[in-house]
Amino acid sequence: MKDVQINNSVKLRRTELGNLTQSDLAKQVGVTRQTMNLIEAQKYNPTIKVCLLIANALDTSIEKLFWMEEEL
């Protein structure tokens, strides 16, 4: 299996929506603010369920929020 990096644009999308805080998004998704912070910092890869909940809360598709890149 190739090494891949999972990237996301959760913070960008959240800030595009205006005044949605990490705490607000975390509450909607059902995780802690600290977990949301780790996801946005790309230090934690959420489960597919959490990815789908985040995409739904941010009114976008999972493909626009999360993608893979091969590590060199």
PDB file of N, CA and C in Angstrom:
ATOM      1  N   MET A   1       0.838  -1.181   0.000  1.00  0.00           N
ATOM      2  CA  MET A   1       0.000   0.000   0.000  1.00  0.00           C
ATOM      3  C   MET A   1       0.884   1.245   0.000  1.00  0.00           C
ATOM      4  N   LYS A   2       0.542   2.180  -0.851  1.00  0.00           N
ATOM      5  CA  LYS A   2       1.295   3.428  -0.935  1.00  0.00           C
ATOM      6  C   LYS A   2       0.992   4.301   0.273  1.00  0.00           C
ATOM      7  N   ASP A   3       1.984   5.093   0.663  1.00  0.00           N
ATOM      8  CA  ASP A   3       1.756   6.062   1.728  1.00  0.00           C
ATOM      9  C   ASP A   3       1.018   7.257   1.150  1.00  0.00           C
ATOM     10  N   VAL A   4      -0.059   7.623   1.806  1.00  0.00           N
ATOM     11  CA  VAL A   4      -0.832   8.777   1.352  1.00  0.00           C
ATOM     12  C   VAL A   4      -1.085   9.718   2.521  1.00  0.00           C
ATOM     13  N   GLN A   5      -1.184  10.972   2.180  1.00  0.00           N
ATOM     14  CA  GLN A   5      -1.537  12.013   3.142  1.00  0.00           C
ATOM     15  C   GLN A   5      -2.991  12.383   2.898  1.00  0.00           C
ATOM     16  N   ILE A   6      -3.788  12.430   3.971  1.00  0.00           N
ATOM     17  CA  ILE A   6      -5.176  12.875   3.860  1.00  0.00           C
ATOM     18  C   ILE A   6      -5.199  14.368   4.182  1.00  0.00           C
ATOM     19  N   ASN A   7      -5.656  15.159   3.242  1.00  0.00           N
ATOM     20  CA  ASN A   7      -5.744  16.603   3.417  1.00  0.00           C
ATOM     21  C   ASN A   7      -7.203  17.021   3.512  1.00  0.00           C
ATOM     22  N   ASN A   8      -7.417  18.205   4.077  1.00  0.00           N
ATOM     23  CA  ASN A   8      -8.789  18.703   4.131  1.00  0.00           C
ATOM     24  C   ASN A   8      -8.826  20.216   4.079  1.00  0.00           C
ATOM     25  N   SER A   9      -9.990  20.729   3.704  1.00  0.00           N
ATOM     26  CA  SER A   9     -10.215  22.173   3.653  1.00  0.00           C
ATOM     27  C   SER A   9     -11.367  22.556   4.582  1.00  0.00           C
ATOM     28  N   VAL A  10     -11.482  21.864   5.706  1.00  0.00           N
ATOM     29  CA  VAL A  10     -12.575  22.098   6.649  1.00  0.00           C
ATOM     30  C   VAL A  10     -12.523  23.527   7.180  1.00  0.00           C
ATOM     31  N   LYS A  11     -11.351  23.970   7.626  1.00  0.00           N
ATOM     32  CA  LYS A  11     -11.236  25.323   8.187  1.00  0.00           C
ATOM     33  C   LYS A  11     -11.586  26.374   7.143  1.00  0.00           C
ATOM     34  N   LEU A  12     -11.092  26.205   5.926  1.00  0.00           N
ATOM     35  CA  LEU A  12     -11.386  27.159   4.857  1.00  0.00           C
ATOM     36  C   LEU A  12     -12.888  27.249   4.620  1.00  0.00           C
ATOM     37  N   ARG A  13     -13.542  26.116   4.496  1.00  0.00           N
ATOM     38  CA  ARG A  13     -14.990  26.106   4.248  1.00  0.00           C
ATOM     39  C   ARG A  13     -15.752  26.693   5.435  1.00  0.00           C
ATOM     40  N   ARG A  14     -15.325  26.364   6.638  1.00  0.00           N
ATOM     41  CA  ARG A  14     -15.999  26.885   7.837  1.00  0.00           C
ATOM     42  C   ARG A  14     -15.899  28.413   7.878  1.00  0.00           C
ATOM     43  N   THR A  15     -14.734  28.953   7.567  1.00  0.00           N
ATOM     44  CA  THR A  15     -14.562  30.407   7.605  1.00  0.00           C
ATOM     45  C   THR A  15     -15.274  31.087   6.432  1.00  0.00           C
ATOM     46  N   GLU A  16     -15.398  30.388   5.314  1.00  0.00           N
ATOM     47  CA  GLU A  16     -16.161  30.938   4.179  1.00  0.00           C
ATOM     48  C   GLU A  16     -17.619  31.171   4.550  1.00  0.00           C
ATOM     49  N   LEU A  17     -18.121  30.361   5.455  1.00  0.00           N
ATOM     50  CA  LEU A  17     -19.529  30.462   5.847  1.00  0.00           C
ATOM     51  C   LEU A  17     -19.782  31.594   6.842  1.00  0.00           C
ATOM     52  N   GLY A  18     -18.737  32.303   7.225  1.00  0.00           N
ATOM     53  CA  GLY A  18     -18.922  33.458   8.097  1.00  0.00           C
ATOM     54  C   GLY A  18     -18.551  33.193   9.533  1.00  0.00           C
ATOM     55  N   ASN A  19     -19.541  33.284  10.403  1.00  0.00           N
ATOM     56  CA  ASN A  19     -19.242  33.265  11.833  1.00  0.00           C
ATOM     57  C   ASN A  19     -19.411  31.891  12.488  1.00  0.00           C
ATOM     58  N   LEU A  20     -19.207  30.825  11.735  1.00  0.00           N
ATOM     59  CA  LEU A  20     -19.286  29.471  12.294  1.00  0.00           C
ATOM     60  C   LEU A  20     -17.977  29.157  13.009  1.00  0.00           C
ATOM     61  N   THR A  21     -18.044  28.955  14.311  1.00  0.00           N
ATOM     62  CA  THR A  21     -16.834  28.661  15.088  1.00  0.00           C
ATOM     63  C   THR A  21     -16.545  27.163  15.081  1.00  0.00           C
ATOM     64  N   GLN A  22     -15.340  26.815  15.529  1.00  0.00           N
ATOM     65  CA  GLN A  22     -15.003  25.403  15.697  1.00  0.00           C
ATOM     66  C   GLN A  22     -15.973  24.740  16.663  1.00  0.00           C
ATOM     67  N   SER A  23     -16.311  25.454  17.716  1.00  0.00           N
ATOM     68  CA  SER A  23     -17.239  24.904  18.712  1.00  0.00           C
ATOM     69  C   SER A  23     -18.612  24.651  18.107  1.00  0.00           C
ATOM     70  N   ASP A  24     -19.097  25.595  17.290  1.00  0.00           N
ATOM     71  CA  ASP A  24     -20.393  25.432  16.626  1.00  0.00           C
ATOM     72  C   ASP A  24     -20.388  24.189  15.736  1.00  0.00           C
ATOM     73  N   LEU A  25     -19.357  24.073  14.924  1.00  0.00           N
ATOM     74  CA  LEU A  25     -19.262  22.938  14.006  1.00  0.00           C
ATOM     75  C   LEU A  25     -19.126  21.630  14.779  1.00  0.00           C
ATOM     76  N   ALA A  26     -18.289  21.640  15.806  1.00  0.00           N
ATOM     77  CA  ALA A  26     -18.103  20.435  16.616  1.00  0.00           C
ATOM     78  C   ALA A  26     -19.423  19.974  17.229  1.00  0.00           C
ATOM     79  N   LYS A  27     -20.197  20.926  17.728  1.00  0.00           N
ATOM     80  CA  LYS A  27     -21.491  20.609  18.332  1.00  0.00           C
ATOM     81  C   LYS A  27     -22.432  19.976  17.307  1.00  0.00           C
ATOM     82  N   GLN A  28     -22.461  20.533  16.094  1.00  0.00           N
ATOM     83  CA  GLN A  28     -23.329  20.004  15.036  1.00  0.00           C
ATOM     84  C   GLN A  28     -22.920  18.579  14.651  1.00  0.00           C
ATOM     85  N   VAL A  29     -21.615  18.329  14.669  1.00  0.00           N
ATOM     86  CA  VAL A  29     -21.087  17.035  14.232  1.00  0.00           C
ATOM     87  C   VAL A  29     -21.117  15.998  15.356  1.00  0.00           C
ATOM     88  N   GLY A  30     -21.051  16.457  16.605  1.00  0.00           N
ATOM     89  CA  GLY A  30     -21.066  15.536  17.732  1.00  0.00           C
ATOM     90  C   GLY A  30     -19.684  15.146  18.219  1.00  0.00           C
ATOM     91  N   VAL A  31     -18.711  16.053  18.030  1.00  0.00           N
ATOM     92  CA  VAL A  31     -17.356  15.837  18.537  1.00  0.00           C
ATOM     93  C   VAL A  31     -16.977  17.027  19.410  1.00  0.00           C
ATOM     94  N   THR A  32     -15.834  16.945  20.054  1.00  0.00           N
ATOM     95  CA  THR A  32     -15.381  18.071  20.874  1.00  0.00           C
ATOM     96  C   THR A  32     -14.725  19.140  19.997  1.00  0.00           C
ATOM     97  N   ARG A  33     -14.604  20.344  20.551  1.00  0.00           N
ATOM     98  CA  ARG A  33     -13.908  21.411  19.836  1.00  0.00           C
ATOM     99  C   ARG A  33     -12.449  21.014  19.617  1.00  0.00           C
ATOM    100  N   GLN A  34     -11.860  20.323  20.588  1.00  0.00           N
ATOM    101  CA  GLN A  34     -10.474  19.895  20.460  1.00  0.00           C
ATOM    102  C   GLN A  34     -10.299  18.915  19.297  1.00  0.00           C
ATOM    103  N   THR A  35     -11.250  18.014  19.123  1.00  0.00           N
ATOM    104  CA  THR A  35     -11.204  17.090  17.986  1.00  0.00           C
ATOM    105  C   THR A  35     -11.306  17.857  16.677  1.00  0.00           C
ATOM    106  N   MET A  36     -12.214  18.830  16.613  1.00  0.00           N
ATOM    107  CA  MET A  36     -12.364  19.635  15.398  1.00  0.00           C
ATOM    108  C   MET A  36     -11.076  20.405  15.112  1.00  0.00           C
ATOM    109  N   ASN A  37     -10.425  20.897  16.155  1.00  0.00           N
ATOM    110  CA  ASN A  37      -9.156  21.597  15.987  1.00  0.00           C
ATOM    111  C   ASN A  37      -8.107  20.671  15.384  1.00  0.00           C
ATOM    112  N   LEU A  38      -8.028  19.438  15.869  1.00  0.00           N
ATOM    113  CA  LEU A  38      -7.067  18.469  15.337  1.00  0.00           C
ATOM    114  C   LEU A  38      -7.376  18.108  13.888  1.00  0.00           C
ATOM    115  N   ILE A  39      -8.658  17.998  13.548  1.00  0.00           N
ATOM    116  CA  ILE A  39      -9.047  17.705  12.171  1.00  0.00           C
ATOM    117  C   ILE A  39      -8.609  18.848  11.261  1.00  0.00           C
ATOM    118  N   GLU A  40      -8.925  20.079  11.658  1.00  0.00           N
ATOM    119  CA  GLU A  40      -8.565  21.242  10.837  1.00  0.00           C
ATOM    120  C   GLU A  40      -7.055  21.388  10.691  1.00  0.00           C
ATOM    121  N   ALA A  41      -6.305  21.014  11.718  1.00  0.00           N
ATOM    122  CA  ALA A  41      -4.841  21.097  11.685  1.00  0.00           C
ATOM    123  C   ALA A  41      -4.217  19.903  10.958  1.00  0.00           C
ATOM    124  N   GLN A  42      -5.057  18.992  10.486  1.00  0.00           N
ATOM    125  CA  GLN A  42      -4.645  17.791   9.769  1.00  0.00           C
ATOM    126  C   GLN A  42      -3.744  16.898  10.621  1.00  0.00           C
ATOM    127  N   LYS A  43      -4.047  16.872  11.924  1.00  0.00           N
ATOM    128  CA  LYS A  43      -3.319  16.018  12.851  1.00  0.00           C
ATOM    129  C   LYS A  43      -4.147  14.802  13.258  1.00  0.00           C
ATOM    130  N   TYR A  44      -5.394  14.744  12.771  1.00  0.00           N
ATOM    131  CA  TYR A  44      -6.285  13.628  13.084  1.00  0.00           C
ATOM    132  C   TYR A  44      -7.176  13.367  11.879  1.00  0.00           C
ATOM    133  N   ASN A  45      -7.214  12.124  11.429  1.00  0.00           N
ATOM    134  CA  ASN A  45      -8.082  11.744  10.318  1.00  0.00           C
ATOM    135  C   ASN A  45      -9.382  11.183  10.885  1.00  0.00           C
ATOM    136  N   PRO A  46     -10.490  11.888  10.655  1.00  0.00           N
ATOM    137  CA  PRO A  46     -11.765  11.441  11.200  1.00  0.00           C
ATOM    138  C   PRO A  46     -12.305  10.211  10.470  1.00  0.00           C
ATOM    139  N   THR A  47     -13.248   9.546  11.111  1.00  0.00           N
ATOM    140  CA  THR A  47     -13.917   8.413  10.472  1.00  0.00           C
ATOM    141  C   THR A  47     -14.747   8.915   9.301  1.00  0.00           C
ATOM    142  N   ILE A  48     -15.148   8.011   8.443  1.00  0.00           N
ATOM    143  CA  ILE A  48     -15.985   8.390   7.305  1.00  0.00           C
ATOM    144  C   ILE A  48     -17.302   8.988   7.784  1.00  0.00           C
ATOM    145  N   LYS A  49     -17.834   8.468   8.882  1.00  0.00           N
ATOM    146  CA  LYS A  49     -19.075   9.010   9.435  1.00  0.00           C
ATOM    147  C   LYS A  49     -18.897  10.471   9.824  1.00  0.00           C
ATOM    148  N   VAL A  50     -17.815  10.785  10.514  1.00  0.00           N
ATOM    149  CA  VAL A  50     -17.561  12.172  10.915  1.00  0.00           C
ATOM    150  C   VAL A  50     -17.313  13.049   9.682  1.00  0.00           C
ATOM    151  N   CYS A  51     -16.604  12.528   8.695  1.00  0.00           N
ATOM    152  CA  CYS A  51     -16.385  13.286   7.446  1.00  0.00           C
ATOM    153  C   CYS A  51     -17.714  13.646   6.797  1.00  0.00           C
ATOM    154  N   LEU A  52     -18.618  12.679   6.738  1.00  0.00           N
ATOM    155  CA  LEU A  52     -19.934  12.927   6.138  1.00  0.00           C
ATOM    156  C   LEU A  52     -20.738  13.939   6.949  1.00  0.00           C
ATOM    157  N   LEU A  53     -20.666  13.847   8.270  1.00  0.00           N
ATOM    158  CA  LEU A  53     -21.373  14.802   9.122  1.00  0.00           C
ATOM    159  C   LEU A  53     -20.807  16.213   8.960  1.00  0.00           C
ATOM    160  N   ILE A  54     -19.487  16.325   8.840  1.00  0.00           N
ATOM    161  CA  ILE A  54     -18.861  17.636   8.626  1.00  0.00           C
ATOM    162  C   ILE A  54     -19.297  18.209   7.284  1.00  0.00           C
ATOM    163  N   ALA A  55     -19.241  17.393   6.246  1.00  0.00           N
ATOM    164  CA  ALA A  55     -19.653  17.856   4.914  1.00  0.00           C
ATOM    165  C   ALA A  55     -21.101  18.330   4.930  1.00  0.00           C
ATOM    166  N   ASN A  56     -21.964  17.578   5.591  1.00  0.00           N
ATOM    167  CA  ASN A  56     -23.373  17.964   5.684  1.00  0.00           C
ATOM    168  C   ASN A  56     -23.522  19.285   6.438  1.00  0.00           C
ATOM    169  N   ALA A  57     -22.823  19.431   7.552  1.00  0.00           N
ATOM    170  CA  ALA A  57     -22.910  20.653   8.353  1.00  0.00           C
ATOM    171  C   ALA A  57     -22.381  21.866   7.595  1.00  0.00           C
ATOM    172  N   LEU A  58     -21.404  21.639   6.720  1.00  0.00           N
ATOM    173  CA  LEU A  58     -20.817  22.739   5.951  1.00  0.00           C
ATOM    174  C   LEU A  58     -21.458  22.891   4.575  1.00  0.00           C
ATOM    175  N   ASP A  59     -22.538  22.148   4.345  1.00  0.00           N
ATOM    176  CA  ASP A  59     -23.311  22.253   3.105  1.00  0.00           C
ATOM    177  C   ASP A  59     -22.439  22.112   1.854  1.00  0.00           C
ATOM    178  N   THR A  60     -21.640  21.051   1.858  1.00  0.00           N
ATOM    179  CA  THR A  60     -20.787  20.776   0.711  1.00  0.00           C
ATOM    180  C   THR A  60     -20.596  19.269   0.589  1.00  0.00           C
ATOM    181  N   SER A  61     -19.851  18.848  -0.411  1.00  0.00           N
ATOM    182  CA  SER A  61     -19.626  17.408  -0.599  1.00  0.00           C
ATOM    183  C   SER A  61     -18.350  16.986   0.130  1.00  0.00           C
ATOM    184  N   ILE A  62     -18.308  15.726   0.476  1.00  0.00           N
ATOM    185  CA  ILE A  62     -17.128  15.182   1.154  1.00  0.00           C
ATOM    186  C   ILE A  62     -15.900  15.300   0.250  1.00  0.00           C
ATOM    187  N   GLU A  63     -16.085  15.184  -1.057  1.00  0.00           N
ATOM    188  CA  GLU A  63     -14.972  15.261  -2.004  1.00  0.00           C
ATOM    189  C   GLU A  63     -14.327  16.640  -2.024  1.00  0.00           C
ATOM    190  N   LYS A  64     -15.109  17.671  -1.730  1.00  0.00           N
ATOM    191  CA  LYS A  64     -14.557  19.028  -1.707  1.00  0.00           C
ATOM    192  C   LYS A  64     -13.818  19.317  -0.406  1.00  0.00           C
ATOM    193  N   LEU A  65     -14.084  18.541   0.632  1.00  0.00           N
ATOM    194  CA  LEU A  65     -13.453  18.773   1.930  1.00  0.00           C
ATOM    195  C   LEU A  65     -12.240  17.902   2.184  1.00  0.00           C
ATOM    196  N   PHE A  66     -12.249  16.671   1.666  1.00  0.00           N
ATOM    197  CA  PHE A  66     -11.184  15.712   1.967  1.00  0.00           C
ATOM    198  C   PHE A  66     -10.635  15.111   0.688  1.00  0.00           C
ATOM    199  N   TRP A  67      -9.305  14.992   0.605  1.00  0.00           N
ATOM    200  CA  TRP A  67      -8.669  14.363  -0.541  1.00  0.00           C
ATOM    201  C   TRP A  67      -7.351  13.738  -0.123  1.00  0.00           C
ATOM    202  N   MET A  68      -6.849  12.817  -0.962  1.00  0.00           N
ATOM    203  CA  MET A  68      -5.598  12.113  -0.675  1.00  0.00           C
ATOM    204  C   MET A  68      -4.514  12.579  -1.638  1.00  0.00           C
ATOM    205  N   GLU A  69      -3.293  12.615  -1.113  1.00  0.00           N
ATOM    206  CA  GLU A  69      -2.119  12.882  -1.939  1.00  0.00           C
ATOM    207  C   GLU A  69      -1.065  11.855  -1.590  1.00  0.00           C
ATOM    208  N   GLU A  70      -0.381  11.348  -2.590  1.00  0.00           N
ATOM    209  CA  GLU A  70       0.707  10.402  -2.339  1.00  0.00           C
ATOM    210  C   GLU A  70       1.867  11.118  -1.694  1.00  0.00           C
ATOM    211  N   GLU A  71       2.448  10.475  -0.691  1.00  0.00           N
ATOM    212  CA  GLU A  71       3.650  11.033  -0.061  1.00  0.00           C
ATOM    213  C   GLU A  71       4.865  10.599  -0.850  1.00  0.00           C
ATOM    214  N   LEU A  72       5.788  11.500  -1.039  1.00  0.00           N
ATOM    215  CA  LEU A  72       7.004  11.185  -1.803  1.00  0.00           C
ATOM    216  C   LEU A  72       8.037  10.519  -0.961  1.00  0.00           C
TER     217      LEU A  72
END
